[in-house]
Amino acid sequence: MLLDNENFLKRLEQLYQEKGEKGSVWITFKQYDEIWRKGMHRKGKDKIARKEDRQRKNQEGVPLMLLVRAKTDTEKISTKVLPEDVAYFQKVLHNAMLVSMVGKKRLR
C-alpha cells in the first residue's frame, strides 16, 4: 500500500509495536524513476533502454526519487520520497527505528 511520508512513518512505528519481541520488520530502499513504472522494463529492448537512460541521468546529475518499502509477514507498505526530502526522511526514520529497538535483546 503506497502511503505519503508521514503516514508511512506512523504506520511503521505501529508495525514495530505490533511485532514486539517476536517477528521482523524488513525495510528496503531503492532508486525510483517514475517514467518507467508501467512495466515496460520487462521486455528485452526496453530493459536495455532503461539501463542506458538511468546511466545518462546519473551522469547528468538528475536526482532520482527514493522508494522505501517496509514488510512484515502479513503486511507491505511503501512510500516515495522526493530527492529534496531524503535527508529529513532518513533522520526521522532513524529516530523511529532507534525508539522501537530500545530495550530489545538480540536472540542467539
Protein backbone atom coordinates (compact mmCIF):
# COMPACT_ATOMS: atom_id res chain seq x y z
CA MET A 1 0.00 0.00 0.00
CA LEU A 2 1.52 3.31 -1.09
CA LEU A 3 1.38 5.96 1.65
CA ASP A 4 2.64 9.51 1.98
CA ASN A 5 5.80 10.00 4.04
CA GLU A 6 4.18 10.97 7.36
CA ASN A 7 1.60 8.17 7.28
CA PHE A 8 4.33 5.69 6.30
CA LEU A 9 6.38 6.63 9.37
CA LYS A 10 3.33 6.41 11.66
CA ARG A 11 2.35 3.02 10.25
CA LEU A 12 5.96 1.81 10.53
CA GLU A 13 6.01 2.67 14.24
CA GLN A 14 2.74 0.74 14.64
CA LEU A 15 4.27 -2.26 12.88
CA TYR A 16 7.24 -2.20 15.26
CA GLN A 17 4.88 -2.08 18.24
CA GLU A 18 2.70 -4.90 16.87
CA LYS A 19 5.70 -7.16 16.33
CA GLY A 20 7.11 -6.51 19.79
CA GLU A 21 9.64 -9.16 20.76
CA LYS A 22 8.51 -11.67 18.14
CA GLY A 23 8.64 -11.09 14.42
CA SER A 24 10.57 -8.97 11.96
CA VAL A 25 10.09 -5.77 10.02
CA TRP A 26 12.15 -5.58 6.83
CA ILE A 27 12.93 -2.18 5.30
CA THR A 28 14.33 -1.79 1.78
CA PHE A 29 15.46 1.28 -0.16
CA LYS A 30 15.53 1.59 -3.94
CA GLN A 31 16.14 4.30 -6.51
CA TYR A 32 12.87 5.11 -8.23
CA ASP A 33 12.41 6.52 -11.71
CA GLU A 34 8.76 7.41 -12.26
CA ILE A 35 8.98 7.31 -16.06
CA TRP A 36 9.46 3.54 -16.26
CA ARG A 37 6.79 2.45 -13.86
CA LYS A 38 4.24 0.81 -16.19
CA GLY A 39 6.11 -2.49 -16.58
CA MET A 40 7.87 -1.60 -19.83
CA HIS A 41 11.19 -2.68 -18.31
CA ARG A 42 10.20 -6.33 -18.58
CA LYS A 43 10.85 -6.50 -22.32
CA GLY A 44 14.39 -7.08 -23.58
CA LYS A 45 14.98 -3.90 -25.57
CA ASP A 46 13.18 -1.74 -23.04
CA LYS A 47 15.36 -3.16 -20.28
CA ILE A 48 18.49 -2.06 -22.14
CA ALA A 49 16.96 1.35 -22.89
CA ARG A 50 16.02 1.77 -19.23
CA LYS A 51 19.54 0.95 -18.10
CA GLU A 52 21.05 3.42 -20.59
CA ASP A 53 18.54 6.09 -19.55
CA ARG A 54 19.38 5.62 -15.87
CA GLN A 55 23.12 5.82 -16.58
CA ARG A 56 22.59 9.00 -18.61
CA LYS A 57 20.55 10.57 -15.82
CA ASN A 58 23.19 9.66 -13.23
CA GLN A 59 25.89 11.27 -15.37
CA GLU A 60 23.77 14.41 -15.79
CA GLY A 61 23.21 14.57 -12.05
CA VAL A 62 19.42 14.20 -12.22
CA PRO A 63 18.32 13.12 -8.73
CA LEU A 64 16.06 10.08 -8.57
CA MET A 65 13.27 9.55 -6.07
CA LEU A 66 13.73 7.07 -3.24
CA LEU A 67 11.29 4.19 -2.86
CA VAL A 68 11.11 2.90 0.72
CA ARG A 69 9.35 -0.37 1.47
CA ALA A 70 8.54 -1.98 4.80
CA LYS A 71 7.36 -5.56 5.04
CA THR A 72 6.22 -7.93 7.74
CA ASP A 73 4.88 -11.44 7.35
CA THR A 74 1.34 -10.08 6.82
CA GLU A 75 1.63 -6.52 5.54
CA LYS A 76 3.52 -4.42 2.99
CA ILE A 77 3.72 -0.63 2.95
CA SER A 78 5.74 1.77 0.81
CA THR A 79 6.36 5.45 0.15
CA LYS A 80 8.11 7.60 -2.43
CA VAL A 81 10.49 10.25 -1.09
CA LEU A 82 11.40 13.30 -3.18
CA PRO A 83 15.14 13.98 -3.59
CA GLU A 84 15.00 17.19 -1.54
CA ASP A 85 13.26 15.38 1.37
CA VAL A 86 15.59 12.37 1.59
CA ALA A 87 17.86 13.73 4.34
CA TYR A 88 14.94 14.73 6.57
CA PHE A 89 13.12 11.44 5.94
CA GLN A 90 16.18 9.36 6.79
CA LYS A 91 16.71 11.32 10.00
CA VAL A 92 13.10 10.75 11.11
CA LEU A 93 13.24 7.09 10.06
CA HIS A 94 16.48 6.61 12.02
CA ASN A 95 14.88 8.08 15.15
CA ALA A 96 11.77 5.90 14.74
CA MET A 97 13.91 2.78 14.42
CA LEU A 98 16.03 3.66 17.47
CA VAL A 99 12.97 4.27 19.63
CA SER A 100 11.41 0.97 18.57
CA MET A 101 14.58 -1.02 19.30
CA VAL A 102 15.32 0.29 22.78
CA GLY A 103 15.36 -2.50 25.33
CA LYS A 104 15.18 -5.36 22.85
CA LYS A 105 17.61 -8.21 23.18
CA ARG A 106 19.21 -9.95 20.27
CA LEU A 107 18.20 -13.60 20.01
CA ARG A 108 21.02 -16.08 19.55
